[in-house]
Amino acid sequence: MEKIKIREAGFGDPAVQRLIAAAMAELSARYGGSGDDTPVTPSDFAPPDGAFLVAEDETGRLLGCAGWRTHGDDAELKRMFTIADSRGRGVARQVLAAIEESARQRGRKRVILETGDKQPEAIALYEKYGYERIEDFGYYKGEPGVLSYARTL
């Protein structure tokens, strides 16, 4: 298995924005429209009230990403994505663990997230690692197919 490094990155960084564009294209293919209309800004992920992390291989190629931002007392997971040719290698799990640790270090007790019913891979990942369904809370609260999850850190 290749060595994967997880590090903080700026959400506005051009390489990060290319990953985000790929994530939005995939969500658009699954759900239509832009893929996700949730308002997100680079400042959402600015420490200490958030962080944006990337996974990279030994050559520095970005393989995946995710960020968390403050939502009340919780850390809200946003923009979790792994590029297609790196799926099945544990990238998402490593990014998720790093997000949880980052949020824990900054005093958050729980990670919450919204996903949709057309993302079975994401649902499986979250459930495998202890995320449980909660009442819908975010931008898509009350919309058909939305699924909200949380995990106590």
C-alpha atoms as a PDB file:
ATOM      1  CA  MET A   1       0.000   0.000   0.000  1.00  0.00           C
ATOM      2  CA  GLU A   2       1.282   3.448  -0.879  1.00  0.00           C
ATOM      3  CA  LYS A   3       2.294   5.860   1.833  1.00  0.00           C
ATOM      4  CA  ILE A   4      -0.322   8.561   2.320  1.00  0.00           C
ATOM      5  CA  LYS A   5       0.341  11.848   4.086  1.00  0.00           C
ATOM      6  CA  ILE A   6      -2.488  13.901   5.577  1.00  0.00           C
ATOM      7  CA  ARG A   7      -1.878  17.625   6.003  1.00  0.00           C
ATOM      8  CA  GLU A   8      -3.772  20.870   6.458  1.00  0.00           C
ATOM      9  CA  ALA A   9      -4.272  22.932   3.325  1.00  0.00           C
ATOM     10  CA  GLY A  10      -5.965  26.160   2.400  1.00  0.00           C
ATOM     11  CA  PHE A  11      -9.459  25.671   1.003  1.00  0.00           C
ATOM     12  CA  GLY A  12      -8.750  28.345  -1.582  1.00  0.00           C
ATOM     13  CA  ASP A  13      -5.546  26.707  -2.814  1.00  0.00           C
ATOM     14  CA  PRO A  14      -5.840  25.990  -6.572  1.00  0.00           C
ATOM     15  CA  ALA A  15      -4.981  22.285  -6.153  1.00  0.00           C
ATOM     16  CA  VAL A  16      -7.633  21.968  -3.442  1.00  0.00           C
ATOM     17  CA  GLN A  17     -10.155  23.741  -5.633  1.00  0.00           C
ATOM     18  CA  ARG A  18      -9.479  21.208  -8.413  1.00  0.00           C
ATOM     19  CA  LEU A  19     -10.386  18.422  -5.956  1.00  0.00           C
ATOM     20  CA  ILE A  20     -13.501  20.318  -4.914  1.00  0.00           C
ATOM     21  CA  ALA A  21     -14.484  20.748  -8.576  1.00  0.00           C
ATOM     22  CA  ALA A  22     -14.117  16.986  -9.097  1.00  0.00           C
ATOM     23  CA  ALA A  23     -16.226  16.326  -5.996  1.00  0.00           C
ATOM     24  CA  MET A  24     -18.928  18.719  -7.174  1.00  0.00           C
ATOM     25  CA  ALA A  25     -18.941  17.129 -10.639  1.00  0.00           C
ATOM     26  CA  GLU A  26     -19.465  13.700  -9.099  1.00  0.00           C
ATOM     27  CA  LEU A  27     -22.255  14.978  -6.857  1.00  0.00           C
ATOM     28  CA  SER A  28     -23.843  16.694  -9.840  1.00  0.00           C
ATOM     29  CA  ALA A  29     -23.808  13.421 -11.777  1.00  0.00           C
ATOM     30  CA  ARG A  30     -25.574  11.710  -8.855  1.00  0.00           C
ATOM     31  CA  TYR A  31     -28.020  14.433  -7.823  1.00  0.00           C
ATOM     32  CA  GLY A  32     -28.163  16.941 -10.684  1.00  0.00           C
ATOM     33  CA  GLY A  33     -27.654  20.684 -10.494  1.00  0.00           C
ATOM     34  CA  SER A  34     -24.433  21.894  -8.907  1.00  0.00           C
ATOM     35  CA  GLY A  35     -24.230  18.735  -6.793  1.00  0.00           C
ATOM     36  CA  ASP A  36     -24.329  20.633  -3.501  1.00  0.00           C
ATOM     37  CA  ASP A  37     -25.616  24.154  -2.959  1.00  0.00           C
ATOM     38  CA  THR A  38     -24.573  24.329   0.693  1.00  0.00           C
ATOM     39  CA  PRO A  39     -22.836  27.666   1.222  1.00  0.00           C
ATOM     40  CA  VAL A  40     -19.151  27.057   1.936  1.00  0.00           C
ATOM     41  CA  THR A  41     -16.382  29.671   2.134  1.00  0.00           C
ATOM     42  CA  PRO A  42     -12.639  29.393   2.750  1.00  0.00           C
ATOM     43  CA  SER A  43     -13.076  31.154   6.101  1.00  0.00           C
ATOM     44  CA  ASP A  44     -15.329  28.289   7.263  1.00  0.00           C
ATOM     45  CA  PHE A  45     -12.213  26.125   7.514  1.00  0.00           C
ATOM     46  CA  ALA A  46      -9.903  28.665   9.156  1.00  0.00           C
ATOM     47  CA  PRO A  47      -8.367  27.543  12.443  1.00  0.00           C
ATOM     48  CA  PRO A  48      -9.275  27.450  15.240  1.00  0.00           C
ATOM     49  CA  ASP A  49     -12.909  27.140  14.124  1.00  0.00           C
ATOM     50  CA  GLY A  50     -12.237  24.652  11.361  1.00  0.00           C
ATOM     51  CA  ALA A  51      -9.625  22.970   9.210  1.00  0.00           C
ATOM     52  CA  PHE A  52      -9.267  21.631   5.707  1.00  0.00           C
ATOM     53  CA  LEU A  53      -7.174  18.511   5.171  1.00  0.00           C
ATOM     54  CA  VAL A  54      -5.797  16.800   2.095  1.00  0.00           C
ATOM     55  CA  ALA A  55      -4.342  13.357   1.510  1.00  0.00           C
ATOM     56  CA  GLU A  56      -1.346  13.156  -0.783  1.00  0.00           C
ATOM     57  CA  ASP A  57       0.861  10.377  -2.066  1.00  0.00           C
ATOM     58  CA  GLU A  58       4.670  10.288  -1.980  1.00  0.00           C
ATOM     59  CA  THR A  59       4.844  12.439  -5.117  1.00  0.00           C
ATOM     60  CA  GLY A  60       2.611  15.140  -3.642  1.00  0.00           C
ATOM     61  CA  ARG A  61      -0.394  14.237  -5.803  1.00  0.00           C
ATOM     62  CA  LEU A  62      -3.638  14.998  -3.974  1.00  0.00           C
ATOM     63  CA  LEU A  63      -5.770  11.893  -3.473  1.00  0.00           C
ATOM     64  CA  GLY A  64      -8.583  13.195  -1.329  1.00  0.00           C
ATOM     65  CA  CYS A  65      -9.791  15.855   1.029  1.00  0.00           C
ATOM     66  CA  ALA A  66     -12.255  16.896   3.708  1.00  0.00           C
ATOM     67  CA  GLY A  67     -12.810  19.802   5.999  1.00  0.00           C
ATOM     68  CA  TRP A  68     -14.633  20.593   9.174  1.00  0.00           C
ATOM     69  CA  ARG A  69     -16.232  23.816  10.279  1.00  0.00           C
ATOM     70  CA  THR A  70     -17.845  24.896  13.503  1.00  0.00           C
ATOM     71  CA  HIS A  71     -21.563  24.181  13.783  1.00  0.00           C
ATOM     72  CA  GLY A  72     -22.611  25.164  17.285  1.00  0.00           C
ATOM     73  CA  ASP A  73     -20.529  22.990  19.608  1.00  0.00           C
ATOM     74  CA  ASP A  74     -19.919  20.426  16.872  1.00  0.00           C
ATOM     75  CA  ALA A  75     -17.520  20.002  13.976  1.00  0.00           C
ATOM     76  CA  GLU A  76     -19.440  19.694  10.710  1.00  0.00           C
ATOM     77  CA  LEU A  77     -17.727  17.526   8.094  1.00  0.00           C
ATOM     78  CA  LYS A  78     -17.771  19.039   4.610  1.00  0.00           C
ATOM     79  CA  ARG A  79     -16.367  18.248   1.164  1.00  0.00           C
ATOM     80  CA  MET A  80     -15.198  14.695   1.902  1.00  0.00           C
ATOM     81  CA  PHE A  81     -13.862  13.286  -1.374  1.00  0.00           C
ATOM     82  CA  THR A  82     -11.417  10.728  -2.744  1.00  0.00           C
ATOM     83  CA  ILE A  83     -10.356  10.687  -6.382  1.00  0.00           C
ATOM     84  CA  ALA A  84     -11.673   7.676  -8.282  1.00  0.00           C
ATOM     85  CA  ASP A  85      -8.349   5.915  -8.879  1.00  0.00           C
ATOM     86  CA  SER A  86      -7.471   6.046  -5.170  1.00  0.00           C
ATOM     87  CA  ARG A  87     -10.679   4.586  -3.792  1.00  0.00           C
ATOM     88  CA  GLY A  88     -10.492   1.327  -1.890  1.00  0.00           C
ATOM     89  CA  ARG A  89      -7.029   2.121  -0.492  1.00  0.00           C
ATOM     90  CA  GLY A  90      -8.040   3.555   2.860  1.00  0.00           C
ATOM     91  CA  VAL A  91      -7.630   7.196   1.861  1.00  0.00           C
ATOM     92  CA  ALA A  92     -11.099   8.218   3.052  1.00  0.00           C
ATOM     93  CA  ARG A  93     -10.678   6.428   6.370  1.00  0.00           C
ATOM     94  CA  GLN A  94      -7.341   8.162   7.005  1.00  0.00           C
ATOM     95  CA  VAL A  95      -8.779  11.564   6.115  1.00  0.00           C
ATOM     96  CA  LEU A  96     -11.814  10.952   8.320  1.00  0.00           C
ATOM     97  CA  ALA A  97      -9.601   9.936  11.260  1.00  0.00           C
ATOM     98  CA  ALA A  98      -7.489  13.064  10.775  1.00  0.00           C
ATOM     99  CA  ILE A  99     -10.612  15.251  10.657  1.00  0.00           C
ATOM    100  CA  GLU A 100     -11.826  13.694  13.897  1.00  0.00           C
ATOM    101  CA  GLU A 101      -8.447  14.255  15.567  1.00  0.00           C
ATOM    102  CA  SER A 102      -8.261  17.854  14.359  1.00  0.00           C
ATOM    103  CA  ALA A 103     -11.750  18.570  15.683  1.00  0.00           C
ATOM    104  CA  ARG A 104     -10.957  16.821  18.990  1.00  0.00           C
ATOM    105  CA  GLN A 105      -7.769  18.862  19.428  1.00  0.00           C
ATOM    106  CA  ARG A 106      -9.788  22.039  18.946  1.00  0.00           C
ATOM    107  CA  GLY A 107     -12.300  21.107  21.622  1.00  0.00           C
ATOM    108  CA  ARG A 108     -15.108  19.589  19.586  1.00  0.00           C
ATOM    109  CA  LYS A 109     -16.919  16.639  21.138  1.00  0.00           C
ATOM    110  CA  ARG A 110     -18.770  15.445  18.049  1.00  0.00           C
ATOM    111  CA  VAL A 111     -18.511  15.359  14.252  1.00  0.00           C
ATOM    112  CA  ILE A 112     -21.773  15.796  12.351  1.00  0.00           C
ATOM    113  CA  LEU A 113     -22.452  15.539   8.638  1.00  0.00           C
ATOM    114  CA  GLU A 114     -25.058  15.532   5.906  1.00  0.00           C
ATOM    115  CA  THR A 115     -24.940  13.093   3.023  1.00  0.00           C
ATOM    116  CA  GLY A 116     -27.467  11.755   0.570  1.00  0.00           C
ATOM    117  CA  ASP A 117     -29.056   8.446  -0.261  1.00  0.00           C
ATOM    118  CA  LYS A 118     -27.278   8.349  -3.643  1.00  0.00           C
ATOM    119  CA  GLN A 119     -23.889   8.015  -1.932  1.00  0.00           C
ATOM    120  CA  PRO A 120     -23.901   4.429  -0.644  1.00  0.00           C
ATOM    121  CA  GLU A 121     -20.095   4.335  -0.389  1.00  0.00           C
ATOM    122  CA  ALA A 122     -20.093   7.343   1.941  1.00  0.00           C
ATOM    123  CA  ILE A 123     -22.938   5.944   4.019  1.00  0.00           C
ATOM    124  CA  ALA A 124     -21.101   2.630   4.386  1.00  0.00           C
ATOM    125  CA  LEU A 125     -17.897   4.394   5.462  1.00  0.00           C
ATOM    126  CA  TYR A 126     -19.610   6.523   8.089  1.00  0.00           C
ATOM    127  CA  GLU A 127     -21.616   3.646   9.519  1.00  0.00           C
ATOM    128  CA  LYS A 128     -18.573   1.350   9.577  1.00  0.00           C
ATOM    129  CA  TYR A 129     -16.693   3.872  11.710  1.00  0.00           C
ATOM    130  CA  GLY A 130     -19.405   4.517  14.267  1.00  0.00           C
ATOM    131  CA  TYR A 131     -21.473   7.336  12.832  1.00  0.00           C
ATOM    132  CA  GLU A 132     -25.141   7.114  13.768  1.00  0.00           C
ATOM    133  CA  ARG A 133     -28.198   8.718  12.234  1.00  0.00           C
ATOM    134  CA  ILE A 134     -29.322  11.967  13.827  1.00  0.00           C
ATOM    135  CA  GLU A 135     -32.091  14.460  13.145  1.00  0.00           C
ATOM    136  CA  ASP A 136     -31.405  16.358   9.934  1.00  0.00           C
ATOM    137  CA  PHE A 137     -29.816  19.724  10.657  1.00  0.00           C
ATOM    138  CA  GLY A 138     -28.167  21.402   7.709  1.00  0.00           C
ATOM    139  CA  TYR A 139     -28.812  23.133   4.424  1.00  0.00           C
ATOM    140  CA  TYR A 140     -30.812  20.173   3.108  1.00  0.00           C
ATOM    141  CA  LYS A 141     -32.832  19.578   6.299  1.00  0.00           C
ATOM    142  CA  GLY A 142     -36.210  18.155   5.344  1.00  0.00           C
ATOM    143  CA  GLU A 143     -35.257  17.397   1.752  1.00  0.00           C
ATOM    144  CA  PRO A 144     -35.962  13.923   0.349  1.00  0.00           C
ATOM    145  CA  GLY A 145     -32.952  11.613   0.477  1.00  0.00           C
ATOM    146  CA  VAL A 146     -30.914  13.613   2.991  1.00  0.00           C
ATOM    147  CA  LEU A 147     -29.214  11.591   5.720  1.00  0.00           C
ATOM    148  CA  SER A 148     -27.530  13.214   8.725  1.00  0.00           C
ATOM    149  CA  TYR A 149     -25.016  11.437  10.935  1.00  0.00           C
ATOM    150  CA  ALA A 150     -22.921  12.111  14.035  1.00  0.00           C
ATOM    151  CA  ARG A 151     -20.105  10.482  15.936  1.00  0.00           C
ATOM    152  CA  THR A 152     -19.073  11.383  19.457  1.00  0.00           C
ATOM    153  CA  LEU A 153     -15.308  11.830  19.648  1.00  0.00           C
END
